[in-house]
Amino acid sequence: MTSTAATKPAGKRDRTHYLYIAVIISVVLGITVGLVTPDFAVQLKPIGTGFVNLIKMMISPIIFCTIVLGIGSVRKAAKVGAVGGIALAYFTVMSLVALGIGLVVGNIIDPGTGLAVTDSVKETGQAQVTEAKSTEEFLLGIIPTTIVSAFTGGEVLQTLLIALLAGFALQAMGDTGQPILRGIEHIQRLVFRILAMVMWAAPIGAFGAIAAVTGSAGLDALKSLAVLMLGFYTTCFLFVFIVLAALLRVVSGLNIFTFFKYLGREFLLILSTSSSESALPRLIAKMEHMGVSKPVVGITVPTGYSFNLDGTMIYMTMASLFIADAMGTPMSIGEQIPLLLFLLVASKGAAGVTGAGLATLAGGLSSHKPALVDGIGLIVGIDRFMSEARALTNFAGNAVATVLIGTWTKEIDRGRVDQVLAGQLPFDEKTLLDDHAAPAGDEVASREGEEKELAKA
């Protein structure tokens, strides 16, 4: 019986293995098409956009179900508050660390020196300002117009707010809220099954996205801005494999390479879509499978996607210095720090979708040094390529944060972590859920038994 249960997930995993091989092949084909026939490749952009939209449509229901089930099954609300407080404090510290690293590297390499800004570049830069949100607009935007609009608007924080309210309300309802929790648990299973079906479109989406990017930018555009890209990629690499790796080893005793191997398919998905949001539902499922409790995952992951954008912070730091150098008006340290502190707050509204960081950067520059907005057009051409590292770094930061916060709050099963990372408990790629992993499962079963007895009586 045990051997059958163990081999079944492995079989499912083998089938999805071919899916991700197809994604790699599609990326290579997309780059080839983009270089050979750039005009045709640009027209393929809607294919990539369509796939990302398919993933994004699943995010709100997944976040809602995960958080409500996590909070609703916890008896003490203080536990959720403790997780949230630790998470926000950690996110703030790590954002400052990312800013600091970007500031140091950016001042060392001076990436924008010697570039010329044309009129067309200035127009492109000015066009980005209209898309930027102020801090006030961002904070008010957390409150949805209606409960339903939180799911239709595509705003992660709005869904998070409604899910928190619903979770605490069900927690306060006690036993009378159990039928609702069971219903939400069934909805969660349905949503994850739909997501697993959508993932089979990943090779097509990856092909369209990569082909369009390569066709629009071309090799010449990449070569002219190679210094900035190389510096940014190097900075992200140092942040992940030195700062995050050290924290993961010291706090949780885990090797970051083993941990990232477990999340390999999610990294590949982000690389092909250039969006960390595309892997958000799978990160939630995998962290729960690995042994981190539902409340910690439900609070840390969605919140981290808006408040723990380490890659975005590094990007905006280096992009600001790059534009200032390119415009011939390099900023002093005294000018850099206030701008970057503003971006630290403003970036909390930049989700892991391509272009959000660019709009936030435009808003920060227009508020603190308007003359630099004209230079944003310089990086528009390679923003998509830089967003690859940005999204990967954001995802890595949130994955590590979930393990760290689970360790600090003692809401992680270390025995299960070791088994999962060793490959002894393979992840079910078909359902994205573990039948035994639901924290309220035993309670639900017992409640059903009690209800049957009451009905008989």
Protein backbone atom coordinates (compact mmCIF):
# COMPACT_ATOMS: atom_id res chain seq x y z
CA MET A 1 0.00 0.00 0.00
CA THR A 2 2.81 2.34 0.91
CA SER A 3 4.84 1.54 -2.21
CA THR A 4 1.82 2.21 -4.44
CA ALA A 5 1.28 5.59 -2.85
CA ALA A 6 4.94 6.42 -3.23
CA THR A 7 5.22 5.45 -6.89
CA LYS A 8 2.07 7.17 -8.06
CA PRO A 9 3.28 10.76 -7.54
CA ALA A 10 6.57 9.84 -9.16
CA GLY A 11 4.72 8.80 -12.32
CA LYS A 12 2.85 12.08 -12.46
CA ARG A 13 6.05 13.95 -11.94
CA ASP A 14 7.68 12.18 -14.89
CA ARG A 15 4.92 13.36 -17.23
CA THR A 16 5.30 16.97 -16.21
CA HIS A 17 9.06 16.62 -16.62
CA TYR A 18 8.49 16.57 -20.38
CA LEU A 19 6.46 19.75 -20.10
CA TYR A 20 9.42 21.70 -18.74
CA ILE A 21 11.77 20.21 -21.31
CA ALA A 22 9.32 21.58 -23.89
CA VAL A 23 9.54 25.00 -22.20
CA ILE A 24 13.34 25.02 -22.60
CA ILE A 25 13.05 24.04 -26.27
CA SER A 26 10.42 26.76 -26.79
CA VAL A 27 12.69 29.41 -25.27
CA VAL A 28 15.52 28.43 -27.63
CA LEU A 29 13.16 28.48 -30.62
CA GLY A 30 11.77 31.86 -29.52
CA ILE A 31 15.24 33.41 -29.39
CA THR A 32 16.06 31.96 -32.83
CA VAL A 33 12.86 33.31 -34.40
CA GLY A 34 13.43 36.71 -32.75
CA LEU A 35 16.90 37.01 -34.27
CA VAL A 36 16.06 35.61 -37.72
CA THR A 37 12.68 37.30 -38.32
CA PRO A 38 12.35 40.14 -35.79
CA ASP A 39 9.30 41.77 -37.41
CA PHE A 40 7.34 38.52 -37.31
CA ALA A 41 8.58 37.75 -33.79
CA VAL A 42 7.25 41.03 -32.39
CA GLN A 43 3.77 40.05 -33.58
CA LEU A 44 3.94 36.95 -31.36
CA LYS A 45 3.85 39.05 -28.17
CA PRO A 46 0.10 38.41 -27.52
CA ILE A 47 0.85 34.68 -27.16
CA GLY A 48 3.20 35.29 -24.23
CA THR A 49 0.86 37.90 -22.76
CA GLY A 50 -2.05 35.48 -22.99
CA PHE A 51 -0.24 32.77 -21.05
CA VAL A 52 0.80 35.15 -18.26
CA ASN A 53 -2.81 36.35 -18.06
CA LEU A 54 -3.98 32.74 -17.67
CA ILE A 55 -1.69 32.38 -14.66
CA LYS A 56 -2.67 35.74 -13.22
CA MET A 57 -6.37 34.91 -13.33
CA MET A 58 -5.69 32.06 -10.87
CA ILE A 59 -3.73 34.13 -8.33
CA SER A 60 -6.63 35.82 -6.51
CA PRO A 61 -8.65 32.65 -5.80
CA ILE A 62 -5.52 30.74 -4.78
CA ILE A 63 -4.40 33.46 -2.35
CA PHE A 64 -7.91 33.76 -0.93
CA CYS A 65 -8.35 30.02 -0.35
CA THR A 66 -4.85 29.57 1.08
CA ILE A 67 -5.07 32.44 3.57
CA VAL A 68 -8.63 31.73 4.68
CA LEU A 69 -7.85 28.04 5.28
CA GLY A 70 -4.60 28.95 7.05
CA ILE A 71 -6.09 31.54 9.40
CA GLY A 72 -9.45 29.85 9.82
CA SER A 73 -7.82 26.66 11.09
CA VAL A 74 -5.64 28.48 13.67
CA ARG A 75 -7.22 28.82 17.09
CA LYS A 76 -5.18 31.80 18.25
CA ALA A 77 -5.24 34.99 16.18
CA ALA A 78 -2.05 36.09 17.95
CA LYS A 79 -0.10 33.48 15.97
CA VAL A 80 -1.13 35.10 12.67
CA GLY A 81 -0.28 38.54 14.03
CA ALA A 82 3.17 37.33 15.10
CA VAL A 83 3.87 35.87 11.66
CA GLY A 84 2.78 39.09 9.95
CA GLY A 85 4.88 41.29 12.24
CA ILE A 86 8.02 39.21 11.81
CA ALA A 87 7.47 39.07 8.05
CA LEU A 88 7.10 42.85 7.64
CA ALA A 89 10.15 43.54 9.82
CA TYR A 90 12.23 41.06 7.81
CA PHE A 91 11.00 42.46 4.48
CA THR A 92 11.98 46.00 5.48
CA VAL A 93 15.48 44.98 6.56
CA MET A 94 16.11 42.94 3.40
CA SER A 95 14.86 45.77 1.17
CA LEU A 96 17.38 48.09 2.81
CA VAL A 97 20.13 45.49 2.33
CA ALA A 98 19.21 45.14 -1.37
CA LEU A 99 19.23 48.93 -1.74
CA GLY A 100 22.64 49.14 -0.12
CA ILE A 101 24.18 46.47 -2.35
CA GLY A 102 22.76 48.11 -5.48
CA LEU A 103 24.02 51.49 -4.33
CA VAL A 104 27.57 50.24 -3.83
CA VAL A 105 27.80 48.34 -7.12
CA GLY A 106 26.11 51.14 -9.08
CA ASN A 107 28.56 53.74 -7.80
CA ILE A 108 31.51 51.49 -8.59
CA ILE A 109 30.68 50.66 -12.23
CA ASP A 110 29.09 54.01 -13.31
CA PRO A 111 27.07 52.21 -16.01
CA GLY A 112 25.51 55.16 -17.88
CA THR A 113 28.61 57.23 -18.58
CA GLY A 114 29.03 58.19 -22.24
CA LEU A 115 25.50 57.46 -23.51
CA ALA A 116 23.52 60.04 -25.50
CA VAL A 117 19.82 60.76 -24.94
CA THR A 118 17.80 61.42 -28.10
CA ASP A 119 14.41 63.15 -28.40
CA SER A 120 12.65 59.82 -28.99
CA VAL A 121 14.20 58.45 -25.81
CA LYS A 122 12.95 61.49 -23.88
CA GLU A 123 9.40 60.99 -25.20
CA THR A 124 9.49 57.34 -24.17
CA GLY A 125 10.62 58.29 -20.69
CA GLN A 126 7.90 60.89 -20.25
CA ALA A 127 5.27 58.37 -21.36
CA GLN A 128 6.15 56.13 -18.41
CA VAL A 129 5.30 58.80 -15.82
CA THR A 130 1.58 58.60 -16.47
CA GLU A 131 1.61 54.94 -15.43
CA ALA A 132 3.23 55.52 -12.04
CA LYS A 133 1.19 55.56 -8.79
CA SER A 134 1.85 57.81 -5.84
CA THR A 135 2.29 56.32 -2.36
CA GLU A 136 -1.11 57.68 -1.32
CA GLU A 137 -2.82 56.06 -4.32
CA PHE A 138 -1.10 52.77 -3.56
CA LEU A 139 -2.21 52.73 0.09
CA LEU A 140 -5.82 53.63 -0.76
CA GLY A 141 -5.75 51.07 -3.55
CA ILE A 142 -5.39 48.29 -0.97
CA ILE A 143 -9.09 48.78 -0.11
CA PRO A 144 -11.31 47.30 -2.85
CA THR A 145 -14.49 48.99 -4.03
CA THR A 146 -16.48 45.87 -3.18
CA ILE A 147 -15.65 42.40 -1.88
CA VAL A 148 -16.16 41.00 -5.37
CA SER A 149 -13.94 43.61 -7.05
CA ALA A 150 -11.01 42.35 -4.96
CA PHE A 151 -11.08 39.21 -7.11
CA THR A 152 -11.80 40.88 -10.46
CA GLY A 153 -9.36 43.80 -10.19
CA GLY A 154 -6.20 41.68 -10.21
CA GLU A 155 -4.76 43.49 -7.15
CA VAL A 156 -2.93 41.04 -4.86
CA LEU A 157 -3.12 43.23 -1.76
CA GLN A 158 -6.88 43.73 -2.15
CA THR A 159 -7.37 39.98 -2.24
CA LEU A 160 -5.02 39.65 0.73
CA LEU A 161 -7.11 42.12 2.76
CA ILE A 162 -10.41 40.37 2.02
CA ALA A 163 -8.85 36.95 2.75
CA LEU A 164 -7.51 38.16 6.10
CA LEU A 165 -10.91 39.55 7.09
CA ALA A 166 -12.67 36.36 6.01
CA GLY A 167 -10.12 34.17 7.79
CA PHE A 168 -10.41 36.02 11.09
CA ALA A 169 -14.22 36.08 10.79
CA LEU A 170 -14.34 32.29 10.29
CA GLN A 171 -11.92 31.87 13.16
CA ALA A 172 -14.25 33.87 15.41
CA MET A 173 -17.26 31.82 14.26
CA GLY A 174 -15.71 28.67 15.72
CA ASP A 175 -17.56 25.42 14.96
CA THR A 176 -20.24 27.14 12.88
CA GLY A 177 -17.57 28.24 10.42
CA GLN A 178 -16.32 24.70 9.76
CA PRO A 179 -18.74 23.94 6.88
CA ILE A 180 -17.56 27.11 5.14
CA LEU A 181 -13.93 26.08 5.61
CA ARG A 182 -14.69 22.67 4.09
CA GLY A 183 -16.31 24.37 1.10
CA ILE A 184 -13.30 26.64 0.60
CA GLU A 185 -11.01 23.62 0.85
CA HIS A 186 -12.89 21.98 -2.05
CA ILE A 187 -12.69 25.20 -4.06
CA GLN A 188 -8.93 25.29 -3.45
CA ARG A 189 -8.58 21.80 -4.90
CA LEU A 190 -10.55 22.85 -7.98
CA VAL A 191 -8.45 25.97 -8.47
CA PHE A 192 -5.16 24.09 -8.20
CA ARG A 193 -6.39 21.46 -10.66
CA ILE A 194 -7.28 24.22 -13.16
CA LEU A 195 -3.82 25.73 -12.65
CA ALA A 196 -2.20 22.36 -13.41
CA MET A 197 -4.15 22.24 -16.68
CA VAL A 198 -3.16 25.78 -17.60
CA MET A 199 0.52 24.94 -17.11
CA TRP A 200 0.45 22.71 -20.19
CA ALA A 201 0.25 25.92 -22.26
CA ALA A 202 3.62 27.06 -20.84
CA PRO A 203 5.74 26.06 -23.90
CA ILE A 204 3.52 28.10 -26.25
CA GLY A 205 3.51 31.10 -23.91
CA ALA A 206 7.28 30.96 -23.43
CA PHE A 207 7.87 30.81 -27.18
CA GLY A 208 5.72 33.89 -27.88
CA ALA A 209 7.16 35.96 -25.02
CA ILE A 210 10.84 35.27 -25.74
CA ALA A 211 10.45 35.68 -29.51
CA ALA A 212 8.77 39.07 -29.10
CA VAL A 213 11.40 40.38 -26.70
CA THR A 214 14.32 39.24 -28.85
CA GLY A 215 12.72 40.60 -32.00
CA SER A 216 11.99 44.04 -30.52
CA ALA A 217 15.34 44.64 -28.82
CA GLY A 218 17.83 42.85 -31.07
CA LEU A 219 21.50 42.26 -30.38
CA ASP A 220 22.63 45.86 -30.97
CA ALA A 221 20.38 47.22 -28.23
CA LEU A 222 21.66 44.59 -25.82
CA LYS A 223 25.31 45.30 -26.60
CA SER A 224 24.95 49.06 -26.03
CA LEU A 225 23.62 48.49 -22.51
CA ALA A 226 25.66 45.41 -21.64
CA VAL A 227 27.44 47.09 -18.73
CA LEU A 228 24.21 47.89 -16.93
CA MET A 229 22.77 44.43 -17.52
CA LEU A 230 25.95 42.65 -16.45
CA GLY A 231 26.25 44.80 -13.34
CA PHE A 232 22.62 44.20 -12.42
CA TYR A 233 22.82 40.44 -12.96
CA THR A 234 26.03 40.27 -10.93
CA THR A 235 24.49 42.25 -8.08
CA CYS A 236 21.43 39.98 -7.98
CA PHE A 237 23.69 36.92 -7.99
CA LEU A 238 25.73 38.24 -5.06
CA PHE A 239 22.60 39.11 -3.10
CA VAL A 240 21.02 35.67 -3.58
CA PHE A 241 24.05 33.41 -3.20
CA ILE A 242 25.83 35.35 -0.46
CA VAL A 243 23.23 37.23 1.60
CA LEU A 244 20.24 34.89 1.24
CA ALA A 245 22.40 31.75 1.22
CA ALA A 246 24.09 32.76 4.47
CA LEU A 247 20.76 33.53 6.16
CA LEU A 248 19.24 30.23 5.04
CA ARG A 249 22.26 28.27 6.28
CA VAL A 250 22.59 30.06 9.64
CA VAL A 251 18.88 30.24 10.54
CA SER A 252 17.47 27.06 9.00
CA GLY A 253 20.58 24.96 8.34
CA LEU A 254 19.62 24.44 4.68
CA ASN A 255 21.81 24.54 1.60
CA ILE A 256 20.49 27.11 -0.87
CA PHE A 257 21.44 25.01 -3.91
CA THR A 258 19.45 22.02 -2.61
CA PHE A 259 16.53 24.32 -1.82
CA PHE A 260 16.61 25.94 -5.26
CA LYS A 261 16.82 22.53 -6.92
CA TYR A 262 13.48 21.74 -5.31
CA LEU A 263 12.11 24.97 -6.84
CA GLY A 264 13.81 24.43 -10.21
CA ARG A 265 10.62 24.25 -12.26
CA GLU A 266 9.35 27.49 -10.76
CA PHE A 267 12.61 29.26 -11.66
CA LEU A 268 12.30 27.94 -15.22
CA LEU A 269 8.70 29.17 -15.43
CA ILE A 270 9.75 32.64 -14.28
CA LEU A 271 12.65 32.67 -16.74
CA SER A 272 10.32 31.90 -19.63
CA THR A 273 7.53 34.34 -18.65
CA SER A 274 9.66 37.10 -17.06
CA SER A 275 7.10 37.32 -14.26
CA SER A 276 7.51 36.09 -10.70
CA GLU A 277 3.71 36.11 -10.33
CA SER A 278 3.53 33.17 -12.72
CA ALA A 279 5.13 31.00 -10.03
CA LEU A 280 3.25 32.40 -7.01
CA PRO A 281 0.56 29.67 -6.87
CA ARG A 282 3.17 26.92 -7.22
CA LEU A 283 5.36 28.49 -4.51
CA ILE A 284 2.43 28.40 -2.09
CA ALA A 285 1.78 24.75 -2.89
CA LYS A 286 5.44 23.73 -2.69
CA MET A 287 6.14 25.52 0.58
CA GLU A 288 3.18 23.77 2.20
CA HIS A 289 4.32 20.45 0.73
CA MET A 290 7.81 21.02 2.12
CA GLY A 291 6.51 21.32 5.67
CA VAL A 292 5.92 25.03 6.34
CA SER A 293 2.56 25.57 8.06
CA LYS A 294 -0.40 27.00 6.16
CA PRO A 295 -0.64 30.21 8.25
CA VAL A 296 3.02 31.05 7.62
CA VAL A 297 2.79 30.32 3.89
CA GLY A 298 -0.57 32.05 3.55
CA ILE A 299 0.71 35.27 5.16
CA THR A 300 4.35 35.36 4.06
CA VAL A 301 4.14 34.50 0.36
CA PRO A 302 1.34 36.87 -0.79
CA THR A 303 2.61 39.70 1.42
CA GLY A 304 6.17 39.14 0.22
CA TYR A 305 5.08 39.52 -3.39
CA SER A 306 4.21 43.14 -2.61
CA PHE A 307 6.59 43.99 0.25
CA ASN A 308 9.68 41.86 -0.36
CA LEU A 309 10.84 42.85 -3.84
CA ASP A 310 14.60 42.54 -3.43
CA GLY A 311 15.29 42.30 -7.16
CA THR A 312 13.12 45.33 -7.86
CA MET A 313 15.01 47.35 -5.24
CA ILE A 314 18.38 46.48 -6.78
CA TYR A 315 17.01 47.27 -10.24
CA MET A 316 15.67 50.70 -9.32
CA THR A 317 18.86 51.62 -7.48
CA MET A 318 21.14 50.79 -10.41
CA ALA A 319 18.70 52.15 -13.01
CA SER A 320 18.53 55.50 -11.19
CA LEU A 321 22.33 55.80 -11.11
CA PHE A 322 22.55 54.65 -14.76
CA ILE A 323 20.07 57.30 -15.96
CA ALA A 324 21.74 60.05 -13.91
CA ASP A 325 25.13 59.19 -15.44
CA ALA A 326 23.68 58.95 -18.96
CA MET A 327 22.04 62.38 -18.62
CA GLY A 328 25.37 63.90 -17.59
CA THR A 329 24.09 64.80 -14.12
CA PRO A 330 25.45 62.16 -11.74
CA MET A 331 23.86 62.23 -8.28
CA SER A 332 25.82 62.68 -5.08
CA ILE A 333 25.31 60.30 -2.17
CA GLY A 334 23.21 62.98 -0.49
CA GLU A 335 20.87 63.02 -3.51
CA GLN A 336 20.82 59.25 -3.95
CA ILE A 337 19.68 58.29 -0.44
CA PRO A 338 16.40 60.34 -0.32
CA LEU A 339 15.45 59.11 -3.80
CA LEU A 340 16.12 55.49 -2.88
CA LEU A 341 14.20 55.73 0.39
CA PHE A 342 11.23 57.03 -1.58
CA LEU A 343 11.59 54.14 -4.01
CA LEU A 344 11.73 51.77 -1.03
CA VAL A 345 8.17 52.80 -0.16
CA ALA A 346 6.88 53.24 -3.71
CA SER A 347 8.18 49.85 -4.84
CA LYS A 348 5.78 48.12 -2.48
CA GLY A 349 3.12 48.70 -5.12
CA ALA A 350 5.20 47.08 -7.87
CA ALA A 351 4.06 43.51 -8.31
CA GLY A 352 6.26 40.95 -10.04
CA VAL A 353 4.88 41.81 -13.49
CA THR A 354 6.99 43.24 -16.29
CA GLY A 355 6.80 47.04 -16.45
CA ALA A 356 5.67 47.67 -12.87
CA GLY A 357 9.20 48.45 -11.72
CA LEU A 358 9.72 50.80 -14.65
CA ALA A 359 6.57 52.80 -13.84
CA THR A 360 7.55 53.04 -10.16
CA LEU A 361 11.03 54.22 -11.14
CA ALA A 362 9.46 56.89 -13.36
CA GLY A 363 7.28 58.07 -10.49
CA GLY A 364 10.25 58.30 -8.12
CA LEU A 365 12.39 60.25 -10.55
CA SER A 366 9.58 62.65 -11.44
CA SER A 367 9.04 63.39 -7.74
CA HIS A 368 12.69 63.85 -6.74
CA LYS A 369 14.59 64.76 -9.90
CA PRO A 370 12.20 65.41 -12.84
CA ALA A 371 15.01 66.07 -15.33
CA LEU A 372 16.05 62.42 -15.13
CA VAL A 373 12.67 61.12 -16.34
CA ASP A 374 13.75 61.79 -19.94
CA GLY A 375 16.45 59.14 -19.55
CA ILE A 376 14.07 56.30 -18.69
CA GLY A 377 13.68 55.68 -22.42
CA LEU A 378 17.26 54.40 -22.42
CA ILE A 379 16.38 51.29 -20.44
CA VAL A 380 12.92 50.55 -21.87
CA GLY A 381 14.46 48.39 -24.60
CA ILE A 382 16.22 46.08 -22.15
CA ASP A 383 13.77 46.33 -19.26
CA ARG A 384 12.23 42.99 -20.22
CA PHE A 385 15.65 41.30 -20.17
CA MET A 386 16.49 42.89 -16.82
CA SER A 387 13.12 41.83 -15.48
CA GLU A 388 14.26 38.22 -15.81
CA ALA A 389 16.85 38.67 -13.04
CA ARG A 390 14.50 40.99 -11.17
CA ALA A 391 11.72 38.40 -11.08
CA LEU A 392 14.09 35.53 -10.25
CA THR A 393 15.60 37.50 -7.36
CA ASN A 394 12.18 38.52 -6.02
CA PHE A 395 11.04 34.89 -6.13
CA ALA A 396 14.22 33.62 -4.45
CA GLY A 397 13.86 36.22 -1.71
CA ASN A 398 10.26 35.24 -0.97
CA ALA A 399 11.01 31.51 -1.02
CA VAL A 400 13.86 31.94 1.45
CA ALA A 401 11.77 34.32 3.58
CA THR A 402 9.03 31.69 3.94
CA VAL A 403 11.50 29.13 5.30
CA LEU A 404 13.17 31.66 7.62
CA ILE A 405 9.90 32.93 9.09
CA GLY A 406 8.66 29.36 9.46
CA THR A 407 11.84 28.58 11.41
CA TRP A 408 11.62 31.66 13.63
CA THR A 409 7.97 31.00 14.49
CA LYS A 410 8.58 27.24 14.88
CA GLU A 411 5.93 26.58 12.23
CA ILE A 412 8.01 24.24 10.07
CA ASP A 413 8.36 20.46 10.10
CA ARG A 414 12.14 19.95 9.81
CA GLY A 415 11.84 16.20 9.39
CA ARG A 416 9.53 16.67 6.42
CA VAL A 417 11.79 19.38 4.98
CA ASP A 418 14.72 16.96 4.93
CA GLN A 419 12.61 14.23 3.35
CA VAL A 420 11.22 16.53 0.64
CA LEU A 421 14.58 18.06 -0.28
CA ALA A 422 16.09 14.56 -0.39
CA GLY A 423 13.46 13.53 -2.93
CA GLN A 424 11.77 11.00 -0.64
CA LEU A 425 8.41 12.81 -0.76
CA PRO A 426 7.94 13.98 -4.37
CA PHE A 427 5.63 16.90 -5.09
CA ASP A 428 2.33 15.97 -6.77
CA GLU A 429 2.46 17.95 -10.02
CA LYS A 430 -1.07 16.96 -11.03
CA THR A 431 -3.06 18.29 -8.08
CA LEU A 432 -0.44 20.63 -6.52
CA LEU A 433 -1.90 19.51 -3.18
CA ASP A 434 -1.21 16.88 -0.53
CA ASP A 435 -4.27 15.12 0.84
CA HIS A 436 -2.57 14.70 4.20
CA ALA A 437 -1.14 18.22 4.32
CA ALA A 438 -4.35 20.14 5.04
CA PRO A 439 -4.11 21.27 8.69
CA ALA A 440 -7.84 21.16 9.20
CA GLY A 441 -8.25 17.74 7.61
CA ASP A 442 -8.52 15.71 10.79
CA GLU A 443 -10.73 18.32 12.37
CA VAL A 444 -12.98 18.37 9.31
CA ALA A 445 -13.35 14.59 9.42
CA SER A 446 -14.20 14.64 13.10
CA ARG A 447 -16.66 17.50 12.57
CA GLU A 448 -18.41 15.50 9.85
CA GLY A 449 -18.70 12.55 12.23
CA GLU A 450 -20.13 14.75 14.95
CA GLU A 451 -22.64 16.29 12.54
CA LYS A 452 -23.80 12.83 11.42
CA GLU A 453 -24.30 11.81 15.04
CA LEU A 454 -26.28 14.98 15.72
CA ALA A 455 -28.41 14.36 12.63
CA LYS A 456 -29.22 10.86 13.83
CA ALA A 457 -30.14 12.22 17.23
